[in-house]
Protein backbone atom coordinates (compact mmCIF):
# COMPACT_ATOMS: atom_id res chain seq x y z
CA VAL A 1 -77.29 -35.33 50.60
CA ALA A 2 -80.48 -35.69 48.48
CA ASP A 3 -80.47 -31.81 48.16
CA TRP A 4 -76.77 -31.60 47.09
CA ARG A 5 -77.62 -34.92 44.87
CA ARG A 6 -80.26 -32.41 43.15
CA GLN A 7 -77.84 -29.88 41.53
CA ILE A 8 -75.80 -32.71 39.92
CA GLY A 9 -76.02 -33.55 36.73
CA VAL A 10 -74.01 -36.12 34.92
CA ILE A 11 -73.00 -38.12 31.88
CA PHE A 12 -70.45 -40.70 32.44
CA GLN A 13 -68.94 -42.05 29.14
CA ASP A 14 -69.96 -45.43 30.41
CA PHE A 15 -73.18 -44.17 30.97
CA ASN A 16 -76.68 -45.99 32.51
CA ARG A 17 -78.55 -47.73 29.80
CA TYR A 18 -81.93 -48.72 32.08
CA GLU A 19 -84.27 -51.24 30.72
CA LEU A 20 -86.91 -49.20 31.27
CA THR A 21 -88.87 -46.49 28.90
CA ALA A 22 -87.57 -43.94 27.21
CA ALA A 23 -89.14 -40.99 29.05
CA GLU A 24 -87.88 -42.60 32.61
CA ASN A 25 -84.28 -42.94 31.40
CA ILE A 26 -84.81 -39.64 30.58
CA GLY A 27 -86.63 -38.76 34.15
CA PHE A 28 -84.05 -39.89 35.99
CA GLY A 29 -81.99 -37.15 35.76
CA ALA A 30 -84.69 -35.23 37.46
CA ILE A 31 -86.18 -37.94 39.70
CA ASP A 32 -88.47 -35.67 41.09
CA LEU A 33 -89.81 -34.24 37.82
CA ALA A 34 -89.53 -37.34 35.72
CA GLY A 35 -93.38 -37.38 34.91
CA ASN A 36 -93.40 -34.04 33.29
CA ARG A 37 -93.34 -35.05 29.61
CA GLU A 38 -93.27 -31.90 27.73
CA ARG A 39 -89.39 -31.22 29.95
CA VAL A 40 -88.73 -34.74 28.96
CA ARG A 41 -89.03 -34.07 24.84
CA ALA A 42 -87.36 -31.09 25.53
CA ALA A 43 -84.59 -32.62 27.26
CA ALA A 44 -84.08 -35.27 24.14
CA ARG A 45 -84.86 -32.68 21.70
CA ARG A 46 -82.15 -30.80 22.79
CA ALA A 47 -79.79 -33.43 22.72
CA GLY A 48 -81.01 -34.10 19.33
CA ILE A 49 -82.31 -37.88 20.02
CA LEU A 50 -86.59 -36.56 19.94
CA SER A 51 -87.09 -37.71 16.35
CA THR A 52 -85.47 -40.96 17.27
CA LEU A 53 -87.22 -41.95 20.34
CA ASP A 54 -90.45 -40.20 18.58
CA ARG A 55 -90.49 -43.72 15.78
CA LEU A 56 -90.31 -45.90 18.67
CA PRO A 57 -92.63 -48.15 18.55
CA LEU A 58 -94.41 -46.76 21.53
CA GLY A 59 -92.41 -43.22 21.11
CA LEU A 60 -91.13 -42.61 24.44
CA ASP A 61 -92.88 -44.94 25.98
CA THR A 62 -90.85 -47.48 24.26
CA THR A 63 -88.80 -49.77 26.84
CA LEU A 64 -85.01 -49.63 25.45
CA ALA A 65 -84.60 -53.31 25.10
CA ARG A 66 -85.36 -55.92 22.96
CA GLN A 67 -86.81 -58.95 25.13
CA TYR A 68 -89.94 -56.52 26.21
CA LYS A 69 -92.64 -56.18 24.10
CA ALA A 70 -92.67 -53.83 21.53
CA GLY A 71 -88.82 -53.29 23.11
CA ALA A 72 -86.19 -51.95 21.07
CA GLU A 73 -83.15 -51.07 20.89
CA LEU A 74 -80.23 -48.44 20.30
CA SER A 75 -77.16 -47.59 18.78
CA GLY A 76 -73.85 -46.66 21.21
CA GLY A 77 -74.47 -43.11 19.67
CA GLN A 78 -78.28 -42.88 20.52
CA TRP A 79 -77.70 -44.04 23.76
CA GLN A 80 -74.98 -41.39 24.24
CA ARG A 81 -78.10 -38.88 23.10
CA VAL A 82 -80.35 -39.92 26.06
CA ALA A 83 -77.66 -40.22 28.63
CA ILE A 84 -76.89 -36.70 27.54
CA ALA A 85 -80.79 -35.77 27.84
CA ARG A 86 -80.90 -37.14 31.20
CA ALA A 87 -78.17 -34.63 32.21
CA LEU A 88 -79.19 -32.13 30.69
CA PHE A 89 -83.16 -32.97 31.96
CA ALA A 90 -81.22 -32.30 35.30
CA LEU A 91 -79.92 -28.91 33.90
CA GLU A 92 -83.27 -27.73 32.32
CA ASN A 93 -84.79 -28.56 36.43
CA GLY A 94 -82.35 -27.19 39.30
CA ALA A 95 -78.77 -28.63 38.37
CA THR A 96 -76.15 -26.20 38.74
CA ILE A 97 -73.29 -28.88 38.44
CA LEU A 98 -72.51 -30.87 35.35
CA VAL A 99 -69.44 -33.45 35.10
CA LEU A 100 -69.43 -34.63 31.69
CA ASP A 101 -66.48 -37.86 31.48
CA GLU A 102 -66.09 -38.14 27.75
CA PRO A 103 -69.48 -37.38 26.81
CA THR A 104 -69.36 -37.81 23.42
CA ALA A 105 -67.24 -40.45 22.87
CA ALA A 106 -69.46 -42.65 20.71
CA LEU A 107 -70.97 -40.21 18.64
CA ASP A 108 -68.60 -39.67 15.34
CA VAL A 109 -67.02 -36.12 14.75
CA ARG A 110 -70.14 -34.20 13.51
CA ALA A 111 -72.52 -35.15 15.42
CA GLU A 112 -69.84 -34.43 18.79
CA ALA A 113 -69.03 -30.84 17.17
CA ALA A 114 -72.93 -30.12 16.18
CA PHE A 115 -73.38 -30.91 19.94
CA PHE A 116 -69.88 -28.34 21.86
CA ASP A 117 -71.61 -25.69 19.31
CA LYS A 118 -74.35 -26.20 21.34
CA PHE A 119 -73.37 -27.04 24.59
CA VAL A 120 -72.05 -23.89 25.58
CA ASP A 121 -75.78 -22.19 25.48
CA VAL A 122 -77.45 -24.78 27.26
CA THR A 123 -74.88 -24.86 30.51
CA ARG A 124 -74.20 -20.81 30.63
CA ALA A 125 -75.96 -21.03 33.84
CA ALA A 126 -74.05 -23.89 35.38
CA THR A 127 -70.63 -25.02 36.40
CA ALA A 128 -69.54 -27.89 33.97
CA LEU A 129 -66.54 -30.28 34.78
CA LEU A 130 -65.74 -31.43 31.24
CA ILE A 131 -63.77 -34.52 31.59
CA SER A 132 -61.81 -35.48 28.04
CA HIS A 133 -59.13 -36.66 25.86
CA ARG A 134 -60.79 -34.96 22.98
CA PHE A 135 -59.04 -31.95 22.72
CA SER A 136 -61.48 -30.89 20.01
CA SER A 137 -63.65 -31.04 22.89
CA VAL A 138 -61.93 -28.73 25.53
CA ARG A 139 -60.92 -26.15 23.76
CA HIS A 140 -64.33 -23.58 24.13
CA ALA A 141 -63.93 -23.90 28.10
CA ASP A 142 -62.71 -21.20 30.22
CA ASP A 143 -60.22 -23.15 31.82
CA ILE A 144 -58.26 -26.27 30.57
CA VAL A 145 -56.62 -27.83 33.64
CA VAL A 146 -53.86 -30.70 31.44
CA LEU A 147 -53.38 -33.72 34.53
CA ALA A 148 -50.23 -35.82 34.12
CA GLY A 149 -49.57 -38.58 36.55
CA GLY A 150 -52.13 -37.22 39.03
CA LYS A 151 -50.91 -33.45 38.91
CA VAL A 152 -51.73 -30.43 37.20
CA ILE A 153 -48.88 -30.02 34.72
CA GLU A 154 -50.29 -26.82 32.76
CA GLN A 155 -53.28 -24.90 32.79
CA GLY A 156 -55.03 -22.06 31.39
CA THR A 157 -57.43 -21.04 27.99
CA HIS A 158 -57.09 -22.85 24.32
CA GLU A 159 -54.95 -20.05 23.25
CA ASP A 160 -52.61 -19.79 26.17
CA LEU A 161 -51.74 -23.53 26.12
CA LEU A 162 -51.21 -23.19 22.62
CA ALA A 163 -49.12 -20.24 22.31
CA ALA A 164 -47.22 -21.85 25.78
CA ASN A 165 -46.27 -24.85 23.21
CA GLY A 166 -45.84 -27.48 26.05
CA ARG A 167 -47.98 -30.67 26.45
CA TYR A 168 -51.48 -29.64 25.34
CA ALA A 169 -50.45 -28.07 22.46
CA ASN A 170 -48.23 -30.93 21.08
CA LEU A 171 -51.19 -33.20 21.89
CA PHE A 172 -53.86 -30.50 20.15
CA ARG A 173 -51.77 -30.95 17.28
CA LEU A 174 -51.57 -34.13 17.12
CA GLN A 175 -55.29 -35.09 17.13
CA ALA A 176 -56.18 -31.89 15.03
CA GLU A 177 -52.97 -33.81 12.61
CA ARG A 178 -54.93 -36.69 11.84
CA PHE A 179 -58.57 -35.29 11.61
CA VAL A 180 -56.79 -33.22 8.68
CA GLU A 181 -55.58 -36.52 6.96
CA ASP A 182 -58.81 -38.49 7.43
CA ASP A 183 -60.49 -35.20 5.58
CA GLU A 184 -58.44 -35.44 2.82
CA ASP A 185 -58.64 -39.04 2.84
CA SER A 186 -61.92 -38.65 2.46
CA GLU A 187 -61.72 -35.91 -0.13
CA GLN A 188 -59.78 -37.99 -2.57
CA VAL A 189 -62.00 -41.12 -1.72
CA ASP A 190 -65.51 -38.55 -2.96
CA ALA A 191 -63.34 -37.20 -6.20
CA ALA A 192 -62.59 -40.94 -6.86
CA ASP A 193 -66.36 -41.55 -6.69
C-alpha cells in the first residue's frame, strides 16, 4: 500500500493547509524526500510560488499560520500554488499518477491559463486525471469524459466533442461567451480610464 501511495500525487480543490513550514507543506508530496531543499525549491518554482515563499519572514522555514511566532498567512491562490507545488514535488520524486480535482479553483483566469500552459510539460511522463467544471482547463486533455447522472454521456478530444455539438460543446460555448463578455467589459473600463 505504501508503494502504491508513493505513485500518486493529488491536488484537491479543498486542499490541505498544514500549520507547518512552507517547505514541509510541499515536502508532504514525497515524504521520503521532504528534506531535500533543492527539490522542494524546484517544485515551488514550477508552481510559481517560490518568490512569494522566499519573501516570508523565514523563507521556506516560515510556519504557514499567523498565530505562530514569525508565522505568516497566505491568500487562497497562494495556498493553491503550495498544493500544486506539493503535487509537483510528488511527480518529480517518483509519482506516476497525478489526480487533480479543480486544481486552479482559487486562481484567477490568467494564472489558471499560465498553469495549464506549463502543466502539459510538467506531467508529460505521468498519467494525469483532471476533474474540472472549467472547460478551459480540460480542453488540452488527450481524452475528455463528460459525466451526467453518474454516467458517461460523451467522450473524445476537445475538437471531437465540439464537432459532435452535444452537451460538452454547449457548455464550452456558454463558458467561453462569459469570458468574451468579461473581456469586453474590462476593455470598456480601460477605455473610460
